[in-house]
C-alpha atoms as a PDB file:
ATOM      1  CA  MET A   1     -72.394  94.032 -33.032  1.00  0.00           C
ATOM      2  CA  ASN A   2     -72.343  95.717 -29.645  1.00  0.00           C
ATOM      3  CA  CYS A   3     -68.571  95.417 -29.294  1.00  0.00           C
ATOM      4  CA  THR A   4     -65.496  95.689 -31.476  1.00  0.00           C
ATOM      5  CA  ARG A   5     -63.277  93.014 -32.958  1.00  0.00           C
ATOM      6  CA  GLN A   6     -60.554  94.254 -30.592  1.00  0.00           C
ATOM      7  CA  ASP A   7     -62.912  93.682 -27.627  1.00  0.00           C
ATOM      8  CA  LEU A   8     -63.423  90.097 -28.794  1.00  0.00           C
ATOM      9  CA  GLU A   9     -59.682  89.604 -29.286  1.00  0.00           C
ATOM     10  CA  THR A  10     -59.128  90.754 -25.693  1.00  0.00           C
ATOM     11  CA  GLN A  11     -61.830  88.402 -24.420  1.00  0.00           C
ATOM     12  CA  VAL A  12     -60.390  85.432 -26.329  1.00  0.00           C
ATOM     13  CA  ALA A  13     -56.915  86.180 -24.966  1.00  0.00           C
ATOM     14  CA  ARG A  14     -58.377  86.284 -21.440  1.00  0.00           C
ATOM     15  CA  VAL A  15     -60.245  82.963 -21.702  1.00  0.00           C
ATOM     16  CA  ARG A  16     -57.212  81.285 -23.277  1.00  0.00           C
ATOM     17  CA  ALA A  17     -54.987  82.545 -20.474  1.00  0.00           C
ATOM     18  CA  ASN A  18     -57.294  81.657 -17.580  1.00  0.00           C
ATOM     19  CA  GLY A  19     -58.329  78.236 -18.913  1.00  0.00           C
ATOM     20  CA  THR A  20     -61.997  79.058 -19.430  1.00  0.00           C
ATOM     21  CA  LEU A  21     -61.761  78.453 -23.176  1.00  0.00           C
ATOM     22  CA  ALA A  22     -61.119  74.765 -22.499  1.00  0.00           C
ATOM     23  CA  LEU A  23     -64.314  74.665 -20.407  1.00  0.00           C
ATOM     24  CA  TYR A  24     -66.307  76.332 -23.189  1.00  0.00           C
ATOM     25  CA  GLN A  25     -64.872  73.851 -25.709  1.00  0.00           C
ATOM     26  CA  ARG A  26     -65.655  70.853 -23.497  1.00  0.00           C
ATOM     27  CA  ALA A  27     -69.233  71.980 -22.848  1.00  0.00           C
ATOM     28  CA  ALA A  28     -69.847  72.910 -26.496  1.00  0.00           C
ATOM     29  CA  GLU A  29     -68.649  69.493 -27.624  1.00  0.00           C
ATOM     30  CA  ALA A  30     -70.685  67.680 -24.956  1.00  0.00           C
ATOM     31  CA  HIS A  31     -73.869  69.441 -26.071  1.00  0.00           C
ATOM     32  CA  GLY A  32     -73.276  69.537 -29.832  1.00  0.00           C
ATOM     33  CA  LEU A  33     -72.862  73.293 -30.029  1.00  0.00           C
ATOM     34  CA  PRO A  34     -70.360  75.439 -31.931  1.00  0.00           C
ATOM     35  CA  VAL A  35     -67.733  76.660 -29.470  1.00  0.00           C
ATOM     36  CA  ALA A  36     -67.857  80.087 -31.108  1.00  0.00           C
ATOM     37  CA  LEU A  37     -71.563  80.281 -30.183  1.00  0.00           C
ATOM     38  CA  VAL A  38     -70.837  79.421 -26.556  1.00  0.00           C
ATOM     39  CA  VAL A  39     -68.074  82.032 -26.328  1.00  0.00           C
ATOM     40  CA  ALA A  40     -70.333  84.564 -28.096  1.00  0.00           C
ATOM     41  CA  ILE A  41     -73.014  84.058 -25.429  1.00  0.00           C
ATOM     42  CA  ALA A  42     -70.415  84.567 -22.675  1.00  0.00           C
ATOM     43  CA  SER A  43     -69.142  87.628 -24.514  1.00  0.00           C
ATOM     44  CA  ARG A  44     -72.608  89.156 -24.760  1.00  0.00           C
ATOM     45  CA  GLU A  45     -73.507  88.311 -21.171  1.00  0.00           C
ATOM     46  CA  THR A  46     -70.335  89.328 -19.291  1.00  0.00           C
ATOM     47  CA  ASN A  47     -67.472  90.030 -21.697  1.00  0.00           C
ATOM     48  CA  CYS A  48     -66.398  86.466 -20.796  1.00  0.00           C
ATOM     49  CA  GLN A  49     -65.928  87.251 -17.121  1.00  0.00           C
ATOM     50  CA  ASN A  50     -67.078  85.001 -14.298  1.00  0.00           C
ATOM     51  CA  GLU A  51     -69.369  87.162 -12.190  1.00  0.00           C
ATOM     52  CA  LEU A  52     -72.663  87.684 -10.439  1.00  0.00           C
ATOM     53  CA  GLY A  53     -75.077  89.792 -12.442  1.00  0.00           C
ATOM     54  CA  ASP A  54     -78.539  90.903 -13.479  1.00  0.00           C
ATOM     55  CA  TYR A  55     -79.231  92.363 -10.056  1.00  0.00           C
ATOM     56  CA  ASP A  56     -82.759  92.752  -8.651  1.00  0.00           C
ATOM     57  CA  SER A  57     -83.978  96.020  -7.203  1.00  0.00           C
ATOM     58  CA  ASP A  58     -82.926  94.727  -3.751  1.00  0.00           C
ATOM     59  CA  ASP A  59     -79.332  94.224  -5.018  1.00  0.00           C
ATOM     60  CA  SER A  60     -79.642  90.417  -5.109  1.00  0.00           C
ATOM     61  CA  PRO A  61     -77.952  88.755  -8.080  1.00  0.00           C
ATOM     62  CA  ARG A  62     -80.316  87.043 -10.507  1.00  0.00           C
ATOM     63  CA  ALA A  63     -77.612  85.233 -12.483  1.00  0.00           C
ATOM     64  CA  VAL A  64     -74.131  83.816 -12.078  1.00  0.00           C
ATOM     65  CA  GLY A  65     -71.107  82.896 -14.180  1.00  0.00           C
ATOM     66  CA  SER A  66     -69.743  84.088 -17.487  1.00  0.00           C
ATOM     67  CA  MET A  67     -72.858  82.845 -19.307  1.00  0.00           C
ATOM     68  CA  GLN A  68     -75.186  84.164 -16.560  1.00  0.00           C
ATOM     69  CA  LEU A  69     -77.110  81.114 -15.364  1.00  0.00           C
ATOM     70  CA  ASP A  70     -80.395  82.421 -13.983  1.00  0.00           C
ATOM     71  CA  VAL A  71     -81.190  81.888 -10.294  1.00  0.00           C
ATOM     72  CA  GLN A  72     -84.341  80.034 -11.336  1.00  0.00           C
ATOM     73  CA  HIS A  73     -81.890  77.163 -11.837  1.00  0.00           C
ATOM     74  CA  GLN A  74     -81.057  75.379  -8.566  1.00  0.00           C
ATOM     75  CA  LEU A  75     -77.372  75.135  -9.510  1.00  0.00           C
ATOM     76  CA  ALA A  76     -77.128  78.926  -9.739  1.00  0.00           C
ATOM     77  CA  ARG A  77     -78.787  79.425  -6.357  1.00  0.00           C
ATOM     78  CA  GLN A  78     -76.458  76.874  -4.768  1.00  0.00           C
ATOM     79  CA  ALA A  79     -73.330  78.326  -6.401  1.00  0.00           C
ATOM     80  CA  ILE A  80     -74.227  81.795  -5.155  1.00  0.00           C
ATOM     81  CA  ALA A  81     -75.045  80.531  -1.663  1.00  0.00           C
ATOM     82  CA  ASP A  82     -71.828  78.562  -1.203  1.00  0.00           C
ATOM     83  CA  GLY A  83     -69.546  80.743  -3.352  1.00  0.00           C
ATOM     84  CA  SER A  84     -68.529  77.809  -5.561  1.00  0.00           C
ATOM     85  CA  TRP A  85     -69.073  79.875  -8.726  1.00  0.00           C
ATOM     86  CA  ARG A  86     -65.802  81.679  -7.986  1.00  0.00           C
ATOM     87  CA  ASP A  87     -63.558  78.616  -8.211  1.00  0.00           C
ATOM     88  CA  ASN A  88     -65.475  76.035 -10.239  1.00  0.00           C
ATOM     89  CA  GLN A  89     -66.979  77.431 -13.415  1.00  0.00           C
ATOM     90  CA  TRP A  90     -67.530  74.040 -15.071  1.00  0.00           C
ATOM     91  CA  PRO A  91     -70.969  73.134 -13.662  1.00  0.00           C
ATOM     92  CA  ILE A  92     -72.437  76.511 -14.561  1.00  0.00           C
ATOM     93  CA  ILE A  93     -70.964  76.573 -18.078  1.00  0.00           C
ATOM     94  CA  ASP A  94     -72.182  73.018 -18.643  1.00  0.00           C
ATOM     95  CA  ALA A  95     -75.697  73.888 -17.402  1.00  0.00           C
ATOM     96  CA  CYS A  96     -75.828  76.942 -19.653  1.00  0.00           C
ATOM     97  CA  CYS A  97     -74.795  74.853 -22.649  1.00  0.00           C
ATOM     98  CA  ALA A  98     -77.480  72.291 -21.798  1.00  0.00           C
ATOM     99  CA  ILE A  99     -80.029  75.134 -21.854  1.00  0.00           C
ATOM    100  CA  LEU A 100     -78.663  76.352 -25.196  1.00  0.00           C
ATOM    101  CA  ALA A 101     -78.797  72.838 -26.660  1.00  0.00           C
ATOM    102  CA  ALA A 102     -82.397  72.434 -25.488  1.00  0.00           C
ATOM    103  CA  GLY A 103     -83.197  75.757 -27.147  1.00  0.00           C
ATOM    104  CA  ALA A 104     -81.598  74.584 -30.388  1.00  0.00           C
ATOM    105  CA  ALA A 105     -83.639  71.365 -30.310  1.00  0.00           C
ATOM    106  CA  TRP A 106     -86.806  73.370 -29.602  1.00  0.00           C
ATOM    107  CA  ALA A 107     -86.068  75.749 -32.510  1.00  0.00           C
ATOM    108  CA  ARG A 108     -85.479  72.872 -34.925  1.00  0.00           C
ATOM    109  CA  ALA A 109     -88.675  71.099 -33.852  1.00  0.00           C
ATOM    110  CA  THR A 110     -90.805  74.246 -33.881  1.00  0.00           C
ATOM    111  CA  TRP A 111     -89.527  75.707 -37.156  1.00  0.00           C
ATOM    112  CA  PRO A 112     -88.363  72.707 -39.223  1.00  0.00           C
ATOM    113  CA  THR A 113     -88.048  74.724 -42.451  1.00  0.00           C
ATOM    114  CA  TYR A 114     -85.632  77.270 -40.987  1.00  0.00           C
ATOM    115  CA  THR A 115     -81.916  77.255 -41.797  1.00  0.00           C
ATOM    116  CA  GLU A 116     -79.213  76.334 -39.283  1.00  0.00           C
ATOM    117  CA  ARG A 117     -78.450  80.015 -38.751  1.00  0.00           C
ATOM    118  CA  GLN A 118     -82.106  80.835 -38.085  1.00  0.00           C
ATOM    119  CA  TRP A 119     -82.247  77.988 -35.554  1.00  0.00           C
ATOM    120  CA  LEU A 120     -79.134  79.296 -33.815  1.00  0.00           C
ATOM    121  CA  LYS A 121     -80.628  82.795 -33.631  1.00  0.00           C
ATOM    122  CA  LEU A 122     -83.858  81.431 -32.168  1.00  0.00           C
ATOM    123  CA  CYS A 123     -81.923  79.338 -29.671  1.00  0.00           C
ATOM    124  CA  CYS A 124     -80.012  82.470 -28.563  1.00  0.00           C
ATOM    125  CA  ASP A 125     -83.232  84.434 -28.262  1.00  0.00           C
ATOM    126  CA  ALA A 126     -84.798  81.619 -26.235  1.00  0.00           C
ATOM    127  CA  TYR A 127     -81.698  81.547 -24.006  1.00  0.00           C
ATOM    128  CA  ASN A 128     -82.150  85.239 -23.265  1.00  0.00           C
ATOM    129  CA  GLY A 129     -85.907  85.746 -23.326  1.00  0.00           C
ATOM    130  CA  GLY A 130     -87.358  82.262 -23.037  1.00  0.00           C
ATOM    131  CA  GLU A 131     -88.938  80.102 -25.706  1.00  0.00           C
ATOM    132  CA  GLY A 132     -92.226  81.988 -25.420  1.00  0.00           C
ATOM    133  CA  GLY A 133     -90.552  85.319 -26.074  1.00  0.00           C
ATOM    134  CA  ALA A 134     -88.526  83.961 -28.975  1.00  0.00           C
ATOM    135  CA  ALA A 135     -91.616  82.334 -30.510  1.00  0.00           C
ATOM    136  CA  ALA A 136     -93.718  85.478 -30.108  1.00  0.00           C
ATOM    137  CA  GLY A 137     -90.990  87.577 -31.666  1.00  0.00           C
ATOM    138  CA  ALA A 138     -90.549  85.120 -34.537  1.00  0.00           C
ATOM    139  CA  ARG A 139     -94.292  85.212 -35.223  1.00  0.00           C
ATOM    140  CA  HIS A 140     -93.962  89.010 -35.509  1.00  0.00           C
ATOM    141  CA  GLY A 141     -91.011  88.670 -37.891  1.00  0.00           C
ATOM    142  CA  ASN A 142     -88.282  89.508 -35.357  1.00  0.00           C
ATOM    143  CA  ALA A 143     -87.210  86.840 -32.871  1.00  0.00           C
ATOM    144  CA  ASP A 144     -85.081  89.485 -31.114  1.00  0.00           C
ATOM    145  CA  LEU A 145     -88.198  91.521 -30.281  1.00  0.00           C
ATOM    146  CA  TYR A 146     -88.479  90.348 -26.653  1.00  0.00           C
ATOM    147  CA  THR A 147     -84.773  90.072 -25.866  1.00  0.00           C
ATOM    148  CA  THR A 148     -82.421  92.385 -23.999  1.00  0.00           C
ATOM    149  CA  GLY A 149     -81.761  95.357 -26.261  1.00  0.00           C
ATOM    150  CA  HIS A 150     -84.091  93.826 -28.869  1.00  0.00           C
ATOM    151  CA  ASP A 151     -80.973  92.501 -30.616  1.00  0.00           C
ATOM    152  CA  TYR A 152     -79.699  89.586 -28.540  1.00  0.00           C
ATOM    153  CA  GLY A 153     -79.693  86.790 -31.126  1.00  0.00           C
ATOM    154  CA  SER A 154     -78.447  89.029 -33.925  1.00  0.00           C
ATOM    155  CA  ASP A 155     -75.644  90.387 -31.753  1.00  0.00           C
ATOM    156  CA  VAL A 156     -74.592  86.927 -30.550  1.00  0.00           C
ATOM    157  CA  LEU A 157     -74.446  85.595 -34.117  1.00  0.00           C
ATOM    158  CA  GLU A 158     -72.354  88.574 -35.236  1.00  0.00           C
ATOM    159  CA  ARG A 159     -69.949  87.888 -32.366  1.00  0.00           C
ATOM    160  CA  MET A 160     -69.935  84.187 -33.266  1.00  0.00           C
ATOM    161  CA  ASP A 161     -68.939  85.025 -36.852  1.00  0.00           C
ATOM    162  CA  VAL A 162     -65.914  87.012 -35.648  1.00  0.00           C
ATOM    163  CA  LEU A 163     -65.047  84.486 -32.943  1.00  0.00           C
ATOM    164  CA  GLU A 164     -64.956  81.600 -35.432  1.00  0.00           C
ATOM    165  CA  GLY A 165     -61.869  83.206 -36.962  1.00  0.00           C
ATOM    166  CA  LEU A 166     -60.311  84.116 -33.625  1.00  0.00           C
ATOM    167  CA  LEU A 167     -60.699  80.663 -32.064  1.00  0.00           C
ATOM    168  CA  THR A 168     -58.973  78.707 -34.832  1.00  0.00           C
END
């Protein structure tokens, strides 16, 4: 895991205090995802902080929000343009969870013999590196192969394991 348990405790305290945890819970429930997975993605992406990120070489943000919705998504472009990402995190969190849920459905359909944990890892890898990258990595025996740090899904699942205990 690329952070400590204490880091995760600090992040959970922050999202409880600022109300973001309720948004993560609402979106996770709406999309049939474990809330610990949703918080783990936000933890990996931004340490659970609402921000612009993944800057291009021209210093333009490529993603927005605590879960880093890519600017390929119209909602992200609009939120950056009008500044709404600062005050209304819900639409971005919900969109990110919809992407995660689609990735989980894709993983289940593509690898029907995998376990739930393997599907979750693939869905995380697809969230970070696209379905093509996750599939190519899986075919080479490591779905993390084409993800940031070559450990995205593994790291998110390790965070999720710790967060399950912290969120109860």
